[in-house]
Amino acid sequence: MRTRAAPRARGFGVEGLLLAAALTLLAVPWLLEARAALEWTRHHSGRGATAARPGPHLREAGRWAARAIDLSAPLPTAATAAGLALGLASAVGERDQQASLALCTELRGALERVRASPGRGLGLTTALEEARRCEMEWAEGR
């Protein structure tokens, strides 16, 4: 009677490549959406700094930055988006305090959400402190 040989250990082979391709296909839309949110934050931050009425740009920058933070934390994209939006709020906040307050409040909420999730708030402590400070400043009318 013939005995079967023990199965040989295989490398990753085709199964590993298929698994890697599937994971990539799942991650790409998420990363593209996070990148798009960062680019919209950049756009509204740039436009808001020079606009005669910065309010709509402040609100949109806050909305898109919060989206980028929710999608990409703890990646550097989240900190970049937060920095751009907070920079806009401090640069033009005197011209539209209510919109600056709304931006800071929305960012603080997004930053606190990701900080509550283990590991996602890494590197965002400074941005969270800045958003809290910004929110307090504009709530008091500076």
N, C-alpha and C. Protein backbone atom coordinates (compact mmCIF):
# COMPACT_ATOMS: atom_id res chain seq x y z
N MET A 1 0.83 -1.17 0.00
CA MET A 1 0.00 0.00 0.00
C MET A 1 0.88 1.25 0.00
N ARG A 2 0.44 2.17 -0.75
CA ARG A 2 1.22 3.40 -0.92
C ARG A 2 0.75 4.45 0.06
N THR A 3 1.64 5.10 0.76
CA THR A 3 1.27 6.14 1.72
C THR A 3 1.38 7.51 1.06
N ARG A 4 0.55 8.35 1.52
CA ARG A 4 0.58 9.72 1.00
C ARG A 4 1.66 10.52 1.66
N ALA A 5 2.31 11.34 0.90
CA ALA A 5 3.34 12.23 1.45
C ALA A 5 2.65 13.39 2.16
N ALA A 6 3.29 13.88 3.17
CA ALA A 6 2.76 15.04 3.90
C ALA A 6 2.70 16.24 2.97
N PRO A 7 1.64 17.05 3.08
CA PRO A 7 1.56 18.23 2.20
C PRO A 7 2.73 19.17 2.47
N ARG A 8 3.22 19.72 1.40
CA ARG A 8 4.35 20.65 1.54
C ARG A 8 3.81 22.04 1.91
N ALA A 9 4.62 22.75 2.63
CA ALA A 9 4.26 24.13 2.98
C ALA A 9 4.37 24.97 1.72
N ARG A 10 3.33 25.71 1.46
CA ARG A 10 3.33 26.57 0.28
C ARG A 10 3.57 28.01 0.71
N GLY A 11 4.07 28.78 -0.20
CA GLY A 11 4.23 30.21 0.04
C GLY A 11 2.87 30.88 -0.10
N PHE A 12 2.88 32.14 -0.34
CA PHE A 12 1.62 32.85 -0.51
C PHE A 12 0.92 32.44 -1.78
N GLY A 13 1.65 32.29 -2.83
CA GLY A 13 1.08 31.82 -4.08
C GLY A 13 -0.11 32.61 -4.55
N VAL A 14 -0.96 31.96 -5.29
CA VAL A 14 -2.12 32.60 -5.90
C VAL A 14 -3.10 33.08 -4.85
N GLU A 15 -3.33 32.29 -3.80
CA GLU A 15 -4.28 32.69 -2.76
C GLU A 15 -3.85 33.98 -2.08
N GLY A 16 -2.57 34.09 -1.81
CA GLY A 16 -2.05 35.31 -1.18
C GLY A 16 -2.19 36.52 -2.07
N LEU A 17 -1.94 36.34 -3.35
CA LEU A 17 -2.10 37.46 -4.29
C LEU A 17 -3.55 37.88 -4.41
N LEU A 18 -4.46 36.91 -4.43
CA LEU A 18 -5.88 37.25 -4.48
C LEU A 18 -6.33 37.98 -3.22
N LEU A 19 -5.84 37.54 -2.08
CA LEU A 19 -6.18 38.21 -0.83
C LEU A 19 -5.65 39.65 -0.83
N ALA A 20 -4.42 39.84 -1.27
CA ALA A 20 -3.84 41.19 -1.32
C ALA A 20 -4.63 42.07 -2.29
N ALA A 21 -5.02 41.53 -3.43
CA ALA A 21 -5.81 42.30 -4.39
C ALA A 21 -7.17 42.68 -3.82
N ALA A 22 -7.80 41.76 -3.10
CA ALA A 22 -9.11 42.05 -2.51
C ALA A 22 -9.00 43.14 -1.45
N LEU A 23 -7.98 43.06 -0.61
CA LEU A 23 -7.79 44.08 0.42
C LEU A 23 -7.50 45.45 -0.20
N THR A 24 -6.74 45.46 -1.28
CA THR A 24 -6.44 46.71 -1.97
C THR A 24 -7.72 47.32 -2.55
N LEU A 25 -8.53 46.48 -3.17
CA LEU A 25 -9.78 46.97 -3.75
C LEU A 25 -10.73 47.52 -2.69
N LEU A 26 -10.66 46.98 -1.49
CA LEU A 26 -11.50 47.49 -0.41
C LEU A 26 -10.97 48.80 0.15
N ALA A 27 -9.65 48.97 0.18
CA ALA A 27 -9.04 50.15 0.79
C ALA A 27 -8.98 51.35 -0.14
N VAL A 28 -8.87 51.13 -1.43
CA VAL A 28 -8.67 52.24 -2.37
C VAL A 28 -9.82 53.25 -2.33
N PRO A 29 -11.08 52.86 -2.39
CA PRO A 29 -12.15 53.88 -2.36
C PRO A 29 -12.13 54.71 -1.08
N TRP A 30 -11.86 54.07 0.03
CA TRP A 30 -11.78 54.76 1.32
C TRP A 30 -10.66 55.78 1.32
N LEU A 31 -9.49 55.40 0.81
CA LEU A 31 -8.35 56.32 0.77
C LEU A 31 -8.60 57.46 -0.22
N LEU A 32 -9.23 57.16 -1.33
CA LEU A 32 -9.54 58.22 -2.30
C LEU A 32 -10.55 59.21 -1.74
N GLU A 33 -11.53 58.73 -1.01
CA GLU A 33 -12.52 59.63 -0.41
C GLU A 33 -11.86 60.53 0.64
N ALA A 34 -10.95 59.96 1.42
CA ALA A 34 -10.23 60.76 2.42
C ALA A 34 -9.37 61.82 1.74
N ARG A 35 -8.72 61.44 0.66
CA ARG A 35 -7.88 62.40 -0.08
C ARG A 35 -8.74 63.50 -0.71
N ALA A 36 -9.89 63.13 -1.24
CA ALA A 36 -10.79 64.13 -1.83
C ALA A 36 -11.27 65.11 -0.76
N ALA A 37 -11.58 64.61 0.43
CA ALA A 37 -12.01 65.49 1.52
C ALA A 37 -10.90 66.46 1.89
N LEU A 38 -9.66 65.98 1.91
CA LEU A 38 -8.52 66.87 2.19
C LEU A 38 -8.40 67.94 1.11
N GLU A 39 -8.57 67.55 -0.14
CA GLU A 39 -8.45 68.53 -1.23
C GLU A 39 -9.57 69.57 -1.18
N TRP A 40 -10.79 69.17 -0.81
CA TRP A 40 -11.87 70.14 -0.65
C TRP A 40 -11.57 71.07 0.53
N THR A 41 -10.98 70.54 1.58
CA THR A 41 -10.58 71.38 2.72
C THR A 41 -9.56 72.41 2.24
N ARG A 42 -8.58 71.96 1.47
CA ARG A 42 -7.56 72.85 0.92
C ARG A 42 -8.20 73.95 0.05
N HIS A 43 -9.12 73.54 -0.80
CA HIS A 43 -9.79 74.48 -1.70
C HIS A 43 -10.52 75.57 -0.92
N HIS A 44 -11.35 75.15 0.03
CA HIS A 44 -12.14 76.14 0.78
C HIS A 44 -11.26 76.97 1.71
N SER A 45 -10.18 76.41 2.20
CA SER A 45 -9.27 77.19 3.04
C SER A 45 -8.59 78.28 2.22
N GLY A 46 -8.19 77.92 1.02
CA GLY A 46 -7.56 78.92 0.14
C GLY A 46 -8.53 80.00 -0.30
N ARG A 47 -9.72 79.60 -0.67
CA ARG A 47 -10.73 80.57 -1.13
C ARG A 47 -11.23 81.43 0.02
N GLY A 48 -11.40 80.83 1.19
CA GLY A 48 -11.93 81.56 2.33
C GLY A 48 -11.01 82.65 2.82
N ALA A 49 -9.71 82.43 2.67
CA ALA A 49 -8.74 83.42 3.15
C ALA A 49 -8.82 84.72 2.36
N THR A 50 -9.27 84.65 1.11
CA THR A 50 -9.31 85.85 0.27
C THR A 50 -10.72 86.31 -0.06
N ALA A 51 -11.72 85.58 0.36
CA ALA A 51 -13.10 85.91 0.00
C ALA A 51 -13.61 87.12 0.76
N ALA A 52 -14.46 87.89 0.10
CA ALA A 52 -15.08 89.04 0.77
C ALA A 52 -16.03 88.56 1.87
N ARG A 53 -16.72 87.44 1.61
CA ARG A 53 -17.59 86.82 2.62
C ARG A 53 -17.05 85.42 2.90
N PRO A 54 -16.22 85.26 3.91
CA PRO A 54 -15.59 83.96 4.15
C PRO A 54 -16.49 82.92 4.81
N GLY A 55 -17.67 83.30 5.28
CA GLY A 55 -18.53 82.39 6.02
C GLY A 55 -18.82 81.07 5.34
N PRO A 56 -19.28 81.08 4.08
CA PRO A 56 -19.55 79.80 3.42
C PRO A 56 -18.31 78.92 3.28
N HIS A 57 -17.17 79.55 3.05
CA HIS A 57 -15.93 78.76 2.93
C HIS A 57 -15.49 78.21 4.29
N LEU A 58 -15.71 78.98 5.34
CA LEU A 58 -15.40 78.48 6.68
C LEU A 58 -16.25 77.25 7.00
N ARG A 59 -17.52 77.33 6.71
CA ARG A 59 -18.41 76.19 7.00
C ARG A 59 -18.04 74.97 6.17
N GLU A 60 -17.77 75.18 4.89
CA GLU A 60 -17.41 74.06 4.02
C GLU A 60 -16.04 73.47 4.40
N ALA A 61 -15.10 74.34 4.75
CA ALA A 61 -13.78 73.84 5.17
C ALA A 61 -13.93 72.98 6.43
N GLY A 62 -14.77 73.42 7.35
CA GLY A 62 -15.01 72.63 8.57
C GLY A 62 -15.67 71.31 8.27
N ARG A 63 -16.64 71.33 7.38
CA ARG A 63 -17.35 70.09 7.02
C ARG A 63 -16.42 69.09 6.36
N TRP A 64 -15.63 69.55 5.38
CA TRP A 64 -14.73 68.65 4.67
C TRP A 64 -13.57 68.20 5.55
N ALA A 65 -13.08 69.07 6.42
CA ALA A 65 -12.00 68.66 7.32
C ALA A 65 -12.49 67.59 8.29
N ALA A 66 -13.71 67.76 8.81
CA ALA A 66 -14.28 66.75 9.70
C ALA A 66 -14.43 65.42 8.98
N ARG A 67 -14.83 65.47 7.71
CA ARG A 67 -14.96 64.24 6.91
C ARG A 67 -13.60 63.58 6.72
N ALA A 68 -12.58 64.38 6.41
CA ALA A 68 -11.22 63.84 6.24
C ALA A 68 -10.72 63.22 7.53
N ILE A 69 -11.01 63.85 8.65
CA ILE A 69 -10.59 63.32 9.95
C ILE A 69 -11.29 61.99 10.23
N ASP A 70 -12.60 61.95 10.02
CA ASP A 70 -13.35 60.72 10.26
C ASP A 70 -12.86 59.57 9.38
N LEU A 71 -12.51 59.87 8.14
CA LEU A 71 -12.10 58.82 7.21
C LEU A 71 -10.66 58.39 7.38
N SER A 72 -9.77 59.31 7.71
CA SER A 72 -8.35 58.98 7.60
C SER A 72 -7.56 58.91 8.90
N ALA A 73 -8.15 59.26 10.02
CA ALA A 73 -7.38 59.17 11.26
C ALA A 73 -6.96 57.72 11.47
N PRO A 74 -5.77 57.45 11.86
CA PRO A 74 -4.66 58.28 12.33
C PRO A 74 -3.65 58.65 11.25
N LEU A 75 -3.99 58.56 9.99
CA LEU A 75 -3.06 58.93 8.93
C LEU A 75 -2.80 60.44 8.95
N PRO A 76 -1.67 60.88 8.40
CA PRO A 76 -1.34 62.30 8.42
C PRO A 76 -2.36 63.19 7.72
N THR A 77 -3.17 62.63 6.84
CA THR A 77 -4.21 63.39 6.15
C THR A 77 -5.14 64.07 7.15
N ALA A 78 -5.44 63.39 8.24
CA ALA A 78 -6.36 63.94 9.25
C ALA A 78 -5.77 65.18 9.90
N ALA A 79 -4.51 65.10 10.30
CA ALA A 79 -3.87 66.25 10.95
C ALA A 79 -3.71 67.42 9.97
N THR A 80 -3.43 67.12 8.71
CA THR A 80 -3.29 68.17 7.71
C THR A 80 -4.61 68.91 7.51
N ALA A 81 -5.69 68.15 7.38
CA ALA A 81 -7.01 68.76 7.19
C ALA A 81 -7.39 69.62 8.40
N ALA A 82 -7.14 69.12 9.59
CA ALA A 82 -7.45 69.89 10.80
C ALA A 82 -6.62 71.18 10.85
N GLY A 83 -5.35 71.09 10.52
CA GLY A 83 -4.49 72.27 10.53
C GLY A 83 -4.93 73.33 9.52
N LEU A 84 -5.31 72.89 8.32
CA LEU A 84 -5.78 73.84 7.30
C LEU A 84 -7.04 74.57 7.77
N ALA A 85 -8.00 73.82 8.27
CA ALA A 85 -9.27 74.43 8.68
C ALA A 85 -9.08 75.35 9.89
N LEU A 86 -8.29 74.92 10.87
CA LEU A 86 -8.05 75.76 12.05
C LEU A 86 -7.27 77.01 11.68
N GLY A 87 -6.35 76.88 10.74
CA GLY A 87 -5.60 78.05 10.26
C GLY A 87 -6.53 79.07 9.61
N LEU A 88 -7.48 78.58 8.84
CA LEU A 88 -8.46 79.48 8.21
C LEU A 88 -9.30 80.18 9.27
N ALA A 89 -9.74 79.43 10.28
CA ALA A 89 -10.57 80.03 11.34
C ALA A 89 -9.83 81.14 12.06
N SER A 90 -8.55 80.92 12.34
CA SER A 90 -7.82 81.97 13.05
C SER A 90 -7.47 83.14 12.13
N ALA A 91 -7.32 82.89 10.83
CA ALA A 91 -6.95 83.96 9.90
C ALA A 91 -8.11 84.90 9.59
N VAL A 92 -9.31 84.37 9.42
CA VAL A 92 -10.43 85.21 9.00
C VAL A 92 -11.57 85.23 10.01
N GLY A 93 -11.34 84.71 11.18
CA GLY A 93 -12.40 84.62 12.17
C GLY A 93 -12.96 85.95 12.61
N GLU A 94 -12.17 86.98 12.58
CA GLU A 94 -12.65 88.30 12.98
C GLU A 94 -13.76 88.78 12.05
N ARG A 95 -13.70 88.39 10.79
CA ARG A 95 -14.70 88.84 9.82
C ARG A 95 -16.01 88.06 9.92
N ASP A 96 -15.97 86.84 10.41
CA ASP A 96 -17.19 86.04 10.56
C ASP A 96 -17.02 85.10 11.75
N GLN A 97 -17.33 85.64 12.93
CA GLN A 97 -17.11 84.88 14.16
C GLN A 97 -18.02 83.67 14.27
N GLN A 98 -19.27 83.79 13.82
CA GLN A 98 -20.20 82.67 13.92
C GLN A 98 -19.76 81.48 13.07
N ALA A 99 -19.29 81.76 11.85
CA ALA A 99 -18.82 80.68 10.98
C ALA A 99 -17.54 80.06 11.54
N SER A 100 -16.67 80.88 12.14
CA SER A 100 -15.46 80.35 12.76
C SER A 100 -15.80 79.45 13.94
N LEU A 101 -16.78 79.87 14.72
CA LEU A 101 -17.22 79.05 15.84
C LEU A 101 -17.80 77.73 15.34
N ALA A 102 -18.59 77.76 14.27
CA ALA A 102 -19.17 76.53 13.71
C ALA A 102 -18.07 75.60 13.21
N LEU A 103 -17.05 76.15 12.56
CA LEU A 103 -15.93 75.35 12.08
C LEU A 103 -15.21 74.67 13.23
N CYS A 104 -14.87 75.46 14.25
CA CYS A 104 -14.13 74.91 15.40
C CYS A 104 -14.95 73.85 16.14
N THR A 105 -16.25 74.07 16.25
CA THR A 105 -17.12 73.11 16.93
C THR A 105 -17.19 71.80 16.15
N GLU A 106 -17.32 71.90 14.84
CA GLU A 106 -17.39 70.69 14.01
C GLU A 106 -16.08 69.91 14.06
N LEU A 107 -14.97 70.63 14.01
CA LEU A 107 -13.67 69.95 14.09
C LEU A 107 -13.46 69.30 15.45
N ARG A 108 -13.82 70.02 16.51
CA ARG A 108 -13.66 69.44 17.84
C ARG A 108 -14.45 68.14 17.96
N GLY A 109 -15.67 68.14 17.45
CA GLY A 109 -16.49 66.94 17.50
C GLY A 109 -15.85 65.78 16.75
N ALA A 110 -15.34 66.04 15.55
CA ALA A 110 -14.69 64.98 14.77
C ALA A 110 -13.43 64.47 15.47
N LEU A 111 -12.66 65.40 16.01
CA LEU A 111 -11.43 64.99 16.70
C LEU A 111 -11.73 64.19 17.96
N GLU A 112 -12.76 64.57 18.68
CA GLU A 112 -13.12 63.81 19.88
C GLU A 112 -13.66 62.43 19.52
N ARG A 113 -14.37 62.32 18.41
CA ARG A 113 -14.85 60.99 17.96
C ARG A 113 -13.69 60.05 17.67
N VAL A 114 -12.69 60.54 16.96
CA VAL A 114 -11.58 59.65 16.63
C VAL A 114 -10.69 59.38 17.84
N ARG A 115 -10.61 60.33 18.77
CA ARG A 115 -9.83 60.10 19.99
C ARG A 115 -10.48 59.04 20.86
N ALA A 116 -11.80 58.91 20.80
CA ALA A 116 -12.51 57.92 21.61
C ALA A 116 -12.27 56.50 21.10
N SER A 117 -11.87 56.37 19.87
CA SER A 117 -11.60 55.06 19.28
C SER A 117 -10.12 54.72 19.49
N PRO A 118 -9.82 53.55 20.05
CA PRO A 118 -8.43 53.21 20.36
C PRO A 118 -7.52 53.26 19.13
N GLY A 119 -6.44 54.00 19.25
CA GLY A 119 -5.44 54.08 18.20
C GLY A 119 -5.71 55.09 17.10
N ARG A 120 -6.93 55.53 16.95
CA ARG A 120 -7.25 56.44 15.84
C ARG A 120 -6.87 57.89 16.15
N GLY A 121 -6.76 58.24 17.41
CA GLY A 121 -6.47 59.62 17.76
C GLY A 121 -5.00 59.94 17.85
N LEU A 122 -4.15 58.99 17.46
CA LEU A 122 -2.71 59.22 17.54
C LEU A 122 -2.31 60.40 16.67
N GLY A 123 -1.55 61.31 17.24
CA GLY A 123 -1.05 62.46 16.50
C GLY A 123 -2.04 63.60 16.36
N LEU A 124 -3.21 63.49 16.97
CA LEU A 124 -4.21 64.54 16.82
C LEU A 124 -4.47 65.32 18.10
N THR A 125 -3.68 65.08 19.13
CA THR A 125 -3.87 65.75 20.42
C THR A 125 -3.72 67.27 20.28
N THR A 126 -2.70 67.69 19.57
CA THR A 126 -2.46 69.12 19.39
C THR A 126 -3.62 69.78 18.63
N ALA A 127 -4.10 69.11 17.58
CA ALA A 127 -5.22 69.65 16.82
C ALA A 127 -6.48 69.73 17.67
N LEU A 128 -6.70 68.73 18.53
CA LEU A 128 -7.87 68.75 19.41
C LEU A 128 -7.78 69.90 20.40
N GLU A 129 -6.62 70.11 20.99
CA GLU A 129 -6.44 71.23 21.93
C GLU A 129 -6.64 72.56 21.23
N GLU A 130 -6.13 72.68 20.00
CA GLU A 130 -6.29 73.92 19.23
C GLU A 130 -7.76 74.16 18.89
N ALA A 131 -8.49 73.10 18.54
CA ALA A 131 -9.92 73.24 18.22
C ALA A 131 -10.70 73.66 19.46
N ARG A 132 -10.37 73.10 20.62
CA ARG A 132 -11.05 73.51 21.86
C ARG A 132 -10.77 74.96 22.19
N ARG A 133 -9.50 75.37 22.03
CA ARG A 133 -9.12 76.75 22.30
C ARG A 133 -9.83 77.69 21.34
N CYS A 134 -9.86 77.33 20.08
CA CYS A 134 -10.52 78.12 19.05
C CYS A 134 -12.01 78.25 19.36
N GLU A 135 -12.63 77.16 19.73
CA GLU A 135 -14.07 77.18 20.04
C GLU A 135 -14.36 78.09 21.23
N MET A 136 -13.53 78.02 22.27
CA MET A 136 -13.73 78.88 23.44
C MET A 136 -13.53 80.35 23.07
N GLU A 137 -12.53 80.64 22.27
CA GLU A 137 -12.27 82.02 21.84
C GLU A 137 -13.46 82.62 21.11
N TRP A 138 -13.97 81.89 20.12
CA TRP A 138 -15.06 82.44 19.32
C TRP A 138 -16.39 82.41 20.05
N ALA A 139 -16.55 81.50 21.00
CA ALA A 139 -17.80 81.47 21.78
C ALA A 139 -17.87 82.70 22.69
N GLU A 140 -16.71 83.16 23.15
CA GLU A 140 -16.65 84.33 24.02
C GLU A 140 -16.63 85.63 23.23
N GLY A 141 -16.54 85.52 21.90
CA GLY A 141 -16.49 86.72 21.07
C GLY A 141 -15.11 87.30 20.97
N ARG A 142 -14.14 86.53 21.31
CA ARG A 142 -12.71 86.88 21.29
C ARG A 142 -12.48 88.05 22.13
